[in-house]
N, C-alpha and C. Protein backbone atom coordinates (compact mmCIF):
# COMPACT_ATOMS: atom_id res chain seq x y z
N MET A 1 -109.90 72.06 -86.43
CA MET A 1 -110.52 70.91 -85.79
C MET A 1 -109.45 70.00 -85.22
N ALA A 2 -109.58 69.64 -83.96
CA ALA A 2 -108.56 68.83 -83.30
C ALA A 2 -108.58 67.40 -83.82
N ARG A 3 -107.39 66.82 -83.86
CA ARG A 3 -107.29 65.42 -84.28
C ARG A 3 -107.85 64.51 -83.21
N LYS A 4 -108.41 63.39 -83.65
CA LYS A 4 -108.90 62.41 -82.67
C LYS A 4 -107.71 61.69 -82.06
N THR A 5 -107.80 61.42 -80.77
CA THR A 5 -106.76 60.63 -80.11
C THR A 5 -106.99 59.16 -80.43
N SER A 6 -105.98 58.33 -80.13
CA SER A 6 -106.13 56.89 -80.38
C SER A 6 -107.27 56.32 -79.55
N TRP A 7 -107.50 56.86 -78.36
CA TRP A 7 -108.61 56.40 -77.52
C TRP A 7 -109.94 56.72 -78.19
N GLU A 8 -110.03 57.91 -78.77
CA GLU A 8 -111.28 58.29 -79.44
C GLU A 8 -111.54 57.42 -80.67
N TRP A 9 -110.46 57.13 -81.44
CA TRP A 9 -110.62 56.25 -82.60
C TRP A 9 -111.05 54.87 -82.15
N SER A 10 -110.46 54.40 -81.06
CA SER A 10 -110.81 53.08 -80.54
C SER A 10 -112.27 53.03 -80.11
N ARG A 11 -112.72 54.11 -79.46
CA ARG A 11 -114.11 54.17 -79.01
C ARG A 11 -115.05 54.20 -80.21
N THR A 12 -114.68 54.97 -81.23
CA THR A 12 -115.48 55.04 -82.45
C THR A 12 -115.58 53.67 -83.11
N ALA A 13 -114.45 52.96 -83.20
CA ALA A 13 -114.43 51.63 -83.81
C ALA A 13 -115.29 50.66 -82.99
N GLN A 14 -115.22 50.78 -81.67
CA GLN A 14 -116.01 49.89 -80.81
C GLN A 14 -117.51 50.18 -80.95
N THR A 15 -117.87 51.45 -81.05
CA THR A 15 -119.27 51.83 -81.25
C THR A 15 -119.79 51.24 -82.56
N ARG A 16 -119.00 51.40 -83.60
CA ARG A 16 -119.38 50.87 -84.92
C ARG A 16 -119.55 49.36 -84.85
N LYS A 17 -118.60 48.68 -84.21
CA LYS A 17 -118.65 47.22 -84.10
C LYS A 17 -119.89 46.78 -83.33
N SER A 18 -120.20 47.47 -82.23
CA SER A 18 -121.37 47.14 -81.43
C SER A 18 -122.66 47.32 -82.22
N MET A 19 -122.73 48.38 -83.01
CA MET A 19 -123.93 48.63 -83.80
C MET A 19 -124.09 47.58 -84.90
N LEU A 20 -122.98 47.20 -85.53
CA LEU A 20 -123.06 46.18 -86.58
C LEU A 20 -123.50 44.83 -86.00
N GLN A 21 -123.00 44.50 -84.81
CA GLN A 21 -123.40 43.25 -84.17
C GLN A 21 -124.89 43.29 -83.82
N ALA A 22 -125.33 44.41 -83.28
CA ALA A 22 -126.75 44.56 -82.94
C ALA A 22 -127.61 44.50 -84.21
N ALA A 23 -127.15 45.15 -85.27
CA ALA A 23 -127.89 45.12 -86.54
C ALA A 23 -127.96 43.70 -87.08
N ARG A 24 -126.87 42.97 -86.96
CA ARG A 24 -126.85 41.57 -87.41
C ARG A 24 -127.95 40.77 -86.72
N GLU A 25 -128.09 40.98 -85.43
CA GLU A 25 -129.10 40.26 -84.66
C GLU A 25 -130.51 40.70 -85.06
N VAL A 26 -130.72 42.01 -85.11
CA VAL A 26 -132.07 42.54 -85.37
C VAL A 26 -132.52 42.24 -86.80
N PHE A 27 -131.64 42.48 -87.78
CA PHE A 27 -132.00 42.16 -89.17
C PHE A 27 -132.24 40.66 -89.33
N GLY A 28 -131.42 39.86 -88.64
CA GLY A 28 -131.57 38.42 -88.72
C GLY A 28 -132.90 37.94 -88.16
N GLU A 29 -133.36 38.59 -87.11
CA GLU A 29 -134.62 38.20 -86.48
C GLU A 29 -135.85 38.72 -87.22
N HIS A 30 -135.76 39.94 -87.76
CA HIS A 30 -136.94 40.60 -88.32
C HIS A 30 -136.89 40.84 -89.83
N GLY A 31 -135.71 40.70 -90.45
CA GLY A 31 -135.56 41.11 -91.83
C GLY A 31 -135.34 42.62 -91.91
N PHE A 32 -134.98 43.09 -93.09
CA PHE A 32 -134.70 44.52 -93.22
C PHE A 32 -135.94 45.37 -93.01
N ALA A 33 -137.03 45.03 -93.70
CA ALA A 33 -138.22 45.88 -93.70
C ALA A 33 -138.80 46.07 -92.31
N GLU A 34 -138.81 45.00 -91.51
CA GLU A 34 -139.45 45.05 -90.20
C GLU A 34 -138.50 45.45 -89.07
N ALA A 35 -137.22 45.52 -89.37
CA ALA A 35 -136.24 45.88 -88.33
C ALA A 35 -136.38 47.34 -87.95
N GLY A 36 -136.26 47.63 -86.65
CA GLY A 36 -136.37 49.01 -86.19
C GLY A 36 -135.03 49.54 -85.71
N VAL A 37 -134.74 50.78 -86.08
CA VAL A 37 -133.50 51.43 -85.64
C VAL A 37 -133.44 51.49 -84.12
N SER A 38 -134.58 51.74 -83.49
CA SER A 38 -134.59 51.86 -82.03
C SER A 38 -134.15 50.58 -81.35
N GLU A 39 -134.53 49.42 -81.93
CA GLU A 39 -134.10 48.15 -81.34
C GLU A 39 -132.62 47.93 -81.54
N VAL A 40 -132.11 48.33 -82.69
CA VAL A 40 -130.67 48.19 -82.95
C VAL A 40 -129.86 48.99 -81.92
N VAL A 41 -130.23 50.26 -81.73
CA VAL A 41 -129.44 51.09 -80.83
C VAL A 41 -129.61 50.64 -79.38
N ALA A 42 -130.79 50.13 -79.03
CA ALA A 42 -130.99 49.63 -77.67
C ALA A 42 -130.06 48.45 -77.40
N ARG A 43 -129.97 47.54 -78.35
CA ARG A 43 -129.09 46.37 -78.17
C ARG A 43 -127.62 46.77 -78.18
N ALA A 44 -127.31 47.81 -78.94
CA ALA A 44 -125.91 48.26 -79.00
C ALA A 44 -125.54 49.12 -77.81
N GLY A 45 -126.53 49.50 -77.01
CA GLY A 45 -126.27 50.38 -75.87
C GLY A 45 -125.85 51.75 -76.32
N SER A 46 -126.46 52.21 -77.42
CA SER A 46 -126.06 53.49 -78.00
C SER A 46 -127.30 54.37 -78.18
N SER A 47 -127.21 55.31 -79.12
CA SER A 47 -128.32 56.23 -79.35
C SER A 47 -128.63 56.30 -80.84
N VAL A 48 -129.85 56.73 -81.16
CA VAL A 48 -130.24 56.90 -82.55
C VAL A 48 -129.31 57.93 -83.22
N GLY A 49 -128.99 58.98 -82.51
CA GLY A 49 -128.09 60.00 -83.06
C GLY A 49 -126.73 59.42 -83.42
N SER A 50 -126.23 58.55 -82.56
CA SER A 50 -124.94 57.92 -82.83
C SER A 50 -125.01 57.03 -84.06
N LEU A 51 -126.12 56.30 -84.21
CA LEU A 51 -126.27 55.45 -85.38
C LEU A 51 -126.26 56.29 -86.65
N TYR A 52 -127.01 57.38 -86.65
CA TYR A 52 -127.05 58.23 -87.84
C TYR A 52 -125.71 58.90 -88.10
N HIS A 53 -124.99 59.18 -87.04
CA HIS A 53 -123.65 59.77 -87.18
C HIS A 53 -122.69 58.78 -87.85
N HIS A 54 -122.74 57.53 -87.42
CA HIS A 54 -121.79 56.52 -87.93
C HIS A 54 -122.21 55.94 -89.27
N PHE A 55 -123.51 55.81 -89.50
CA PHE A 55 -123.96 55.09 -90.69
C PHE A 55 -124.90 55.88 -91.59
N GLY A 56 -125.61 56.83 -91.06
CA GLY A 56 -126.52 57.61 -91.88
C GLY A 56 -127.95 57.13 -91.87
N GLY A 57 -128.20 55.88 -91.44
CA GLY A 57 -129.55 55.37 -91.39
C GLY A 57 -129.60 53.86 -91.50
N LYS A 58 -130.81 53.31 -91.54
CA LYS A 58 -131.00 51.86 -91.55
C LYS A 58 -130.45 51.22 -92.82
N THR A 59 -130.69 51.86 -93.96
CA THR A 59 -130.19 51.30 -95.22
C THR A 59 -128.68 51.22 -95.23
N GLU A 60 -128.03 52.31 -94.82
CA GLU A 60 -126.57 52.33 -94.81
C GLU A 60 -126.00 51.32 -93.80
N LEU A 61 -126.71 51.12 -92.71
CA LEU A 61 -126.29 50.12 -91.72
C LEU A 61 -126.34 48.72 -92.32
N PHE A 62 -127.43 48.42 -93.03
CA PHE A 62 -127.57 47.13 -93.71
C PHE A 62 -126.44 46.93 -94.72
N LEU A 63 -126.17 47.97 -95.51
CA LEU A 63 -125.13 47.88 -96.54
C LEU A 63 -123.74 47.74 -95.92
N ALA A 64 -123.52 48.41 -94.79
CA ALA A 64 -122.23 48.27 -94.10
C ALA A 64 -122.04 46.84 -93.60
N LEU A 65 -123.13 46.24 -93.11
CA LEU A 65 -123.08 44.85 -92.66
C LEU A 65 -122.75 43.93 -93.83
N TYR A 66 -123.36 44.21 -94.98
CA TYR A 66 -123.09 43.42 -96.19
C TYR A 66 -121.63 43.58 -96.64
N GLU A 67 -121.15 44.80 -96.64
CA GLU A 67 -119.77 45.05 -97.08
C GLU A 67 -118.76 44.37 -96.16
N ASP A 68 -119.00 44.42 -94.85
CA ASP A 68 -118.11 43.75 -93.90
C ASP A 68 -118.11 42.23 -94.14
N HIS A 69 -119.30 41.69 -94.39
CA HIS A 69 -119.45 40.26 -94.66
C HIS A 69 -118.68 39.87 -95.92
N GLN A 70 -118.84 40.65 -96.98
CA GLN A 70 -118.14 40.36 -98.23
C GLN A 70 -116.63 40.52 -98.08
N ALA A 71 -116.21 41.53 -97.32
CA ALA A 71 -114.77 41.74 -97.10
C ALA A 71 -114.17 40.55 -96.36
N ALA A 72 -114.91 40.00 -95.39
CA ALA A 72 -114.42 38.82 -94.65
C ALA A 72 -114.27 37.63 -95.60
N HIS A 73 -115.25 37.45 -96.49
CA HIS A 73 -115.15 36.38 -97.51
C HIS A 73 -113.90 36.56 -98.36
N GLU A 74 -113.71 37.78 -98.85
CA GLU A 74 -112.60 38.05 -99.77
C GLU A 74 -111.25 37.88 -99.08
N GLN A 75 -111.15 38.35 -97.85
CA GLN A 75 -109.89 38.22 -97.11
C GLN A 75 -109.55 36.76 -96.86
N ALA A 76 -110.56 35.97 -96.45
CA ALA A 76 -110.32 34.55 -96.17
C ALA A 76 -109.94 33.79 -97.44
N ALA A 77 -110.67 34.06 -98.52
CA ALA A 77 -110.38 33.37 -99.78
C ALA A 77 -109.00 33.77 -100.31
N GLY A 78 -108.68 35.06 -100.26
CA GLY A 78 -107.37 35.52 -100.72
C GLY A 78 -106.23 34.94 -99.92
N ALA A 79 -106.41 34.87 -98.60
CA ALA A 79 -105.37 34.28 -97.73
C ALA A 79 -105.19 32.80 -98.03
N SER A 80 -106.30 32.10 -98.29
CA SER A 80 -106.23 30.68 -98.59
C SER A 80 -105.51 30.41 -99.91
N VAL A 81 -105.79 31.23 -100.90
CA VAL A 81 -105.10 31.10 -102.19
C VAL A 81 -103.62 31.39 -102.03
N ALA A 82 -103.29 32.43 -101.26
CA ALA A 82 -101.88 32.78 -101.04
C ALA A 82 -101.14 31.65 -100.33
N ARG A 83 -101.79 31.03 -99.34
CA ARG A 83 -101.18 29.89 -98.62
C ARG A 83 -100.93 28.72 -99.57
N ALA A 84 -101.93 28.44 -100.41
CA ALA A 84 -101.78 27.34 -101.37
C ALA A 84 -100.60 27.59 -102.31
N LYS A 85 -100.45 28.83 -102.75
CA LYS A 85 -99.32 29.18 -103.62
C LYS A 85 -98.00 28.98 -102.90
N GLN A 86 -97.95 29.39 -101.63
CA GLN A 86 -96.72 29.22 -100.84
C GLN A 86 -96.39 27.73 -100.67
N GLU A 87 -97.42 26.90 -100.64
CA GLU A 87 -97.21 25.46 -100.49
C GLU A 87 -96.88 24.79 -101.82
N GLY A 88 -96.80 25.58 -102.89
CA GLY A 88 -96.38 25.05 -104.18
C GLY A 88 -97.50 24.70 -105.14
N VAL A 89 -98.74 25.01 -104.80
CA VAL A 89 -99.85 24.74 -105.71
C VAL A 89 -99.79 25.74 -106.86
N THR A 90 -99.80 25.21 -108.08
CA THR A 90 -99.75 26.08 -109.26
C THR A 90 -100.96 25.89 -110.17
N ASP A 91 -101.66 24.77 -110.04
CA ASP A 91 -102.84 24.50 -110.86
C ASP A 91 -103.92 25.55 -110.54
N PRO A 92 -104.32 26.36 -111.52
CA PRO A 92 -105.30 27.41 -111.26
C PRO A 92 -106.63 26.88 -110.69
N VAL A 93 -107.06 25.71 -111.13
CA VAL A 93 -108.32 25.16 -110.63
C VAL A 93 -108.18 24.81 -109.15
N GLU A 94 -107.03 24.25 -108.76
CA GLU A 94 -106.81 23.92 -107.35
C GLU A 94 -106.71 25.19 -106.50
N LEU A 95 -106.18 26.26 -107.09
CA LEU A 95 -106.14 27.54 -106.37
C LEU A 95 -107.56 28.09 -106.20
N LEU A 96 -108.38 27.96 -107.24
CA LEU A 96 -109.78 28.36 -107.12
C LEU A 96 -110.47 27.57 -106.02
N ILE A 97 -110.20 26.29 -105.97
CA ILE A 97 -110.80 25.43 -104.95
C ILE A 97 -110.34 25.83 -103.56
N ALA A 98 -109.07 26.19 -103.42
CA ALA A 98 -108.57 26.64 -102.11
C ALA A 98 -109.35 27.87 -101.65
N GLY A 99 -109.55 28.81 -102.56
CA GLY A 99 -110.33 30.00 -102.22
C GLY A 99 -111.78 29.66 -101.94
N ALA A 100 -112.34 28.74 -102.72
CA ALA A 100 -113.74 28.35 -102.54
C ALA A 100 -113.96 27.69 -101.19
N ARG A 101 -113.01 26.87 -100.77
CA ARG A 101 -113.15 26.21 -99.45
C ARG A 101 -113.24 27.25 -98.33
N ALA A 102 -112.36 28.24 -98.40
CA ALA A 102 -112.38 29.29 -97.37
C ALA A 102 -113.69 30.07 -97.43
N TYR A 103 -114.17 30.33 -98.64
CA TYR A 103 -115.42 31.04 -98.84
C TYR A 103 -116.58 30.26 -98.21
N LEU A 104 -116.60 28.96 -98.44
CA LEU A 104 -117.69 28.13 -97.92
C LEU A 104 -117.57 27.93 -96.41
N ASP A 105 -116.35 27.90 -95.90
CA ASP A 105 -116.18 27.88 -94.43
C ASP A 105 -116.81 29.14 -93.83
N GLY A 106 -116.57 30.28 -94.48
CA GLY A 106 -117.15 31.54 -94.00
C GLY A 106 -118.66 31.54 -94.11
N ALA A 107 -119.19 30.88 -95.14
CA ALA A 107 -120.65 30.80 -95.30
C ALA A 107 -121.28 30.04 -94.14
N TRP A 108 -120.57 29.03 -93.64
CA TRP A 108 -121.09 28.29 -92.47
C TRP A 108 -120.94 29.13 -91.20
N GLU A 109 -119.77 29.74 -91.02
CA GLU A 109 -119.52 30.53 -89.81
C GLU A 109 -120.47 31.72 -89.70
N ARG A 110 -120.81 32.33 -90.84
CA ARG A 110 -121.70 33.50 -90.85
C ARG A 110 -123.00 33.17 -91.58
N ARG A 111 -123.51 31.97 -91.32
CA ARG A 111 -124.70 31.49 -92.04
C ARG A 111 -125.91 32.39 -91.82
N ASP A 112 -125.98 33.03 -90.65
CA ASP A 112 -127.11 33.94 -90.42
C ASP A 112 -127.08 35.10 -91.42
N LEU A 113 -125.88 35.59 -91.73
CA LEU A 113 -125.76 36.70 -92.68
C LEU A 113 -126.02 36.24 -94.11
N VAL A 114 -125.53 35.05 -94.46
CA VAL A 114 -125.79 34.54 -95.81
C VAL A 114 -127.29 34.43 -96.02
N ARG A 115 -127.99 33.87 -95.03
CA ARG A 115 -129.46 33.74 -95.16
C ARG A 115 -130.12 35.12 -95.25
N LEU A 116 -129.63 36.07 -94.49
CA LEU A 116 -130.19 37.42 -94.52
C LEU A 116 -130.06 38.04 -95.91
N PHE A 117 -128.89 37.90 -96.51
CA PHE A 117 -128.62 38.58 -97.77
C PHE A 117 -129.19 37.86 -98.99
N ILE A 118 -129.61 36.60 -98.84
CA ILE A 118 -130.17 35.89 -99.99
C ILE A 118 -131.69 35.86 -99.98
N ASP A 119 -132.31 36.30 -98.90
CA ASP A 119 -133.76 36.12 -98.81
C ASP A 119 -134.56 37.20 -99.54
N GLY A 120 -133.86 38.19 -100.12
CA GLY A 120 -134.54 39.20 -100.93
C GLY A 120 -135.10 40.37 -100.15
N ASP A 121 -134.98 40.36 -98.83
CA ASP A 121 -135.51 41.46 -98.02
C ASP A 121 -134.40 42.45 -97.71
N GLY A 122 -134.11 43.30 -98.66
CA GLY A 122 -133.06 44.30 -98.46
C GLY A 122 -133.58 45.67 -98.87
N PRO A 123 -132.79 46.69 -98.69
CA PRO A 123 -133.21 48.05 -99.08
C PRO A 123 -133.26 48.20 -100.59
N PRO A 124 -133.96 49.23 -101.08
CA PRO A 124 -133.99 49.48 -102.52
C PRO A 124 -132.57 49.63 -103.07
N GLY A 125 -132.33 48.98 -104.20
CA GLY A 125 -131.01 49.05 -104.82
C GLY A 125 -130.05 47.97 -104.38
N PHE A 126 -130.42 47.18 -103.37
CA PHE A 126 -129.50 46.17 -102.85
C PHE A 126 -129.22 45.08 -103.88
N GLU A 127 -130.23 44.68 -104.64
CA GLU A 127 -130.02 43.62 -105.64
C GLU A 127 -129.01 44.06 -106.69
N LEU A 128 -129.03 45.33 -107.07
CA LEU A 128 -128.05 45.84 -108.02
C LEU A 128 -126.64 45.78 -107.43
N ILE A 129 -126.53 46.14 -106.16
CA ILE A 129 -125.23 46.08 -105.48
C ILE A 129 -124.72 44.64 -105.46
N ARG A 130 -125.62 43.70 -105.16
CA ARG A 130 -125.23 42.29 -105.13
C ARG A 130 -124.79 41.80 -106.50
N ARG A 131 -125.53 42.17 -107.53
CA ARG A 131 -125.18 41.73 -108.89
C ARG A 131 -123.83 42.32 -109.33
N THR A 132 -123.60 43.58 -108.98
CA THR A 132 -122.32 44.22 -109.31
C THR A 132 -121.17 43.51 -108.60
N ARG A 133 -121.38 43.18 -107.34
CA ARG A 133 -120.36 42.47 -106.57
C ARG A 133 -120.10 41.09 -107.18
N ASN A 134 -121.15 40.41 -107.63
CA ASN A 134 -120.99 39.09 -108.23
C ASN A 134 -120.22 39.16 -109.55
N ARG A 135 -120.47 40.21 -110.33
CA ARG A 135 -119.71 40.37 -111.58
C ARG A 135 -118.23 40.56 -111.30
N GLU A 136 -117.92 41.32 -110.25
CA GLU A 136 -116.53 41.52 -109.87
C GLU A 136 -115.90 40.20 -109.41
N TRP A 137 -116.67 39.38 -108.71
CA TRP A 137 -116.20 38.07 -108.25
C TRP A 137 -115.87 37.18 -109.45
N VAL A 138 -116.73 37.19 -110.46
CA VAL A 138 -116.47 36.42 -111.68
C VAL A 138 -115.18 36.92 -112.33
N ARG A 139 -115.02 38.24 -112.39
CA ARG A 139 -113.80 38.81 -113.00
C ARG A 139 -112.55 38.35 -112.26
N GLN A 140 -112.59 38.37 -110.92
CA GLN A 140 -111.44 37.94 -110.12
C GLN A 140 -111.13 36.46 -110.35
N ASN A 141 -112.18 35.65 -110.44
CA ASN A 141 -111.96 34.23 -110.70
C ASN A 141 -111.40 33.98 -112.09
N ALA A 142 -111.81 34.81 -113.05
CA ALA A 142 -111.27 34.70 -114.41
C ALA A 142 -109.77 34.98 -114.41
N VAL A 143 -109.36 35.99 -113.65
CA VAL A 143 -107.93 36.32 -113.54
C VAL A 143 -107.18 35.16 -112.89
N LEU A 144 -107.74 34.61 -111.81
CA LEU A 144 -107.09 33.50 -111.10
C LEU A 144 -106.92 32.29 -112.01
N LEU A 145 -107.93 32.03 -112.84
CA LEU A 145 -107.89 30.87 -113.73
C LEU A 145 -107.11 31.13 -115.02
N GLY A 146 -106.70 32.39 -115.22
CA GLY A 146 -106.00 32.73 -116.45
C GLY A 146 -106.91 32.56 -117.65
N SER A 147 -108.18 32.87 -117.45
CA SER A 147 -109.18 32.67 -118.48
C SER A 147 -109.02 33.67 -119.62
N GLY A 148 -109.26 33.19 -120.82
CA GLY A 148 -109.20 34.06 -121.98
C GLY A 148 -110.50 34.85 -122.14
N GLY A 149 -110.61 35.58 -123.20
CA GLY A 149 -111.78 36.43 -123.39
C GLY A 149 -112.87 35.85 -124.26
N ASP A 150 -112.69 34.59 -124.72
CA ASP A 150 -113.72 34.05 -125.62
C ASP A 150 -114.96 33.65 -124.82
N PRO A 151 -116.11 33.55 -125.49
CA PRO A 151 -117.38 33.30 -124.80
C PRO A 151 -117.39 32.03 -123.95
N LEU A 152 -116.76 30.94 -124.42
CA LEU A 152 -116.75 29.70 -123.64
C LEU A 152 -116.01 29.89 -122.33
N ASP A 153 -114.86 30.56 -122.38
CA ASP A 153 -114.10 30.84 -121.16
C ASP A 153 -114.93 31.67 -120.19
N ARG A 154 -115.52 32.75 -120.69
CA ARG A 154 -116.30 33.64 -119.82
C ARG A 154 -117.47 32.90 -119.18
N PHE A 155 -118.16 32.12 -119.99
CA PHE A 155 -119.32 31.39 -119.48
C PHE A 155 -118.89 30.33 -118.46
N THR A 156 -117.78 29.65 -118.73
CA THR A 156 -117.31 28.61 -117.81
C THR A 156 -116.97 29.21 -116.45
N VAL A 157 -116.29 30.35 -116.44
CA VAL A 157 -115.94 31.01 -115.17
C VAL A 157 -117.21 31.44 -114.44
N THR A 158 -118.19 31.92 -115.19
CA THR A 158 -119.46 32.32 -114.57
C THR A 158 -120.14 31.12 -113.93
N VAL A 159 -120.12 29.98 -114.61
CA VAL A 159 -120.73 28.76 -114.07
C VAL A 159 -119.99 28.31 -112.80
N LEU A 160 -118.67 28.31 -112.84
CA LEU A 160 -117.88 27.89 -111.67
C LEU A 160 -118.15 28.80 -110.47
N THR A 161 -118.22 30.10 -110.73
CA THR A 161 -118.50 31.06 -109.66
C THR A 161 -119.91 30.83 -109.11
N SER A 162 -120.85 30.53 -110.00
CA SER A 162 -122.23 30.27 -109.57
C SER A 162 -122.31 29.01 -108.71
N ILE A 163 -121.50 28.01 -109.04
CA ILE A 163 -121.46 26.79 -108.22
C ILE A 163 -121.07 27.13 -106.79
N ILE A 164 -120.04 27.96 -106.65
CA ILE A 164 -119.58 28.35 -105.31
C ILE A 164 -120.67 29.14 -104.59
N GLY A 165 -121.30 30.07 -105.30
CA GLY A 165 -122.35 30.88 -104.69
C GLY A 165 -123.55 30.05 -104.25
N GLU A 166 -123.98 29.11 -105.11
CA GLU A 166 -125.12 28.26 -104.75
C GLU A 166 -124.75 27.30 -103.62
N ALA A 167 -123.51 26.83 -103.62
CA ALA A 167 -123.05 25.98 -102.52
C ALA A 167 -123.09 26.74 -101.20
N ALA A 168 -122.74 28.04 -101.25
CA ALA A 168 -122.78 28.86 -100.03
C ALA A 168 -124.20 28.94 -99.49
N ARG A 169 -125.19 29.07 -100.38
CA ARG A 169 -126.60 29.09 -99.94
C ARG A 169 -126.95 27.77 -99.25
N GLU A 170 -126.54 26.66 -99.87
CA GLU A 170 -126.84 25.34 -99.29
C GLU A 170 -126.12 25.13 -97.96
N VAL A 171 -124.88 25.57 -97.91
CA VAL A 171 -124.10 25.47 -96.67
C VAL A 171 -124.81 26.24 -95.56
N ALA A 172 -125.24 27.46 -95.87
CA ALA A 172 -125.85 28.33 -94.87
C ALA A 172 -127.18 27.80 -94.35
N THR A 173 -127.84 26.96 -95.13
CA THR A 173 -129.13 26.41 -94.69
C THR A 173 -129.00 24.95 -94.26
N SER A 174 -127.78 24.45 -94.16
CA SER A 174 -127.56 23.07 -93.72
C SER A 174 -127.93 22.93 -92.24
N ASP A 175 -128.34 21.72 -91.88
CA ASP A 175 -128.75 21.46 -90.49
C ASP A 175 -127.56 21.25 -89.55
N SER A 176 -126.42 20.87 -90.11
CA SER A 176 -125.25 20.62 -89.27
C SER A 176 -123.98 20.95 -90.03
N GLU A 177 -122.89 21.08 -89.30
CA GLU A 177 -121.60 21.35 -89.94
C GLU A 177 -121.20 20.20 -90.84
N GLU A 178 -121.54 18.99 -90.43
CA GLU A 178 -121.22 17.81 -91.26
C GLU A 178 -121.94 17.90 -92.62
N ASP A 179 -123.22 18.26 -92.58
CA ASP A 179 -123.97 18.43 -93.83
C ASP A 179 -123.36 19.54 -94.68
N ALA A 180 -122.95 20.62 -94.03
CA ALA A 180 -122.34 21.75 -94.75
C ALA A 180 -121.06 21.31 -95.44
N ARG A 181 -120.26 20.51 -94.76
CA ARG A 181 -119.00 20.04 -95.34
C ARG A 181 -119.26 19.11 -96.54
N GLU A 182 -120.32 18.32 -96.46
CA GLU A 182 -120.66 17.45 -97.58
C GLU A 182 -121.05 18.28 -98.81
N VAL A 183 -121.79 19.35 -98.58
CA VAL A 183 -122.15 20.25 -99.68
C VAL A 183 -120.89 20.85 -100.28
N ALA A 184 -119.98 21.32 -99.43
CA ALA A 184 -118.73 21.93 -99.91
C ALA A 184 -117.92 20.95 -100.74
N GLU A 185 -117.82 19.71 -100.27
CA GLU A 185 -117.05 18.69 -101.01
C GLU A 185 -117.70 18.39 -102.35
N ALA A 186 -119.04 18.36 -102.38
CA ALA A 186 -119.74 18.13 -103.64
C ALA A 186 -119.44 19.26 -104.63
N ALA A 187 -119.38 20.48 -104.13
CA ALA A 187 -119.07 21.63 -104.99
C ALA A 187 -117.66 21.50 -105.56
N MET A 188 -116.69 21.09 -104.72
CA MET A 188 -115.31 20.94 -105.20
C MET A 188 -115.22 19.86 -106.28
N THR A 189 -115.96 18.77 -106.07
CA THR A 189 -115.98 17.69 -107.07
C THR A 189 -116.52 18.20 -108.39
N LEU A 190 -117.59 18.97 -108.34
CA LEU A 190 -118.19 19.50 -109.56
C LEU A 190 -117.25 20.48 -110.26
N ILE A 191 -116.57 21.32 -109.50
CA ILE A 191 -115.62 22.27 -110.09
C ILE A 191 -114.51 21.51 -110.81
N ARG A 192 -114.01 20.44 -110.21
CA ARG A 192 -112.95 19.66 -110.86
C ARG A 192 -113.47 19.01 -112.14
N ARG A 193 -114.71 18.55 -112.14
CA ARG A 193 -115.28 17.94 -113.34
C ARG A 193 -115.44 18.95 -114.46
N LEU A 194 -115.68 20.19 -114.09
CA LEU A 194 -115.85 21.26 -115.09
C LEU A 194 -114.55 22.02 -115.32
N ASP A 195 -113.42 21.41 -114.98
CA ASP A 195 -112.11 22.04 -115.09
C ASP A 195 -112.01 22.83 -116.40
N PRO A 196 -111.97 24.16 -116.32
CA PRO A 196 -111.95 24.96 -117.55
C PRO A 196 -110.69 24.77 -118.36
N LEU A 197 -109.60 24.37 -117.74
CA LEU A 197 -108.36 24.16 -118.48
C LEU A 197 -108.50 22.94 -119.38
N ARG A 198 -109.24 21.94 -118.87
CA ARG A 198 -109.47 20.73 -119.66
C ARG A 198 -110.51 21.00 -120.76
N ILE A 199 -111.53 21.80 -120.41
CA ILE A 199 -112.58 22.11 -121.40
C ILE A 199 -111.99 22.82 -122.61
N ARG A 200 -111.05 23.73 -122.33
CA ARG A 200 -110.41 24.45 -123.43
C ARG A 200 -109.62 23.49 -124.30
């Protein structure tokens, strides 16, 4: 089998990107259950065969959109934490806040996707995928905070992570960017009040 040329890889990547953008629009307008594959491929300027080749079907397309969205969150939050460290921030709570700010900025920028993924209209098994991803997020935050293994530490990290997640929902449904920023600031204030290092 011949290797793909860089042009072919580029075309493949562009096709995938076009389909994901079209899926974002169609799922956003109709929800998962009512969205049609034919409308997605029409908007992407592609074919049903191409969609099945790249994604396997409507469910896999939805999940790919979710994974891309989560990856963007993680990359932005990780970069923000790394920048804060380079600037000399060592307080774990302030590092968590740096990551949370980037996460909430992304929730505003991609508010259509946040609303799509929280409204409960996803393919079978999606809620389990979301819960698994959230558990991993709690674990990552526990590492960042240097949290111990006792129940109070674990519960505190879960609460802090939940604050960020609920703030993202509020940000995504805010009427304006100003309102979204107020929600984000309120979340940061609450995280500082629940400083797990002080609680311990």
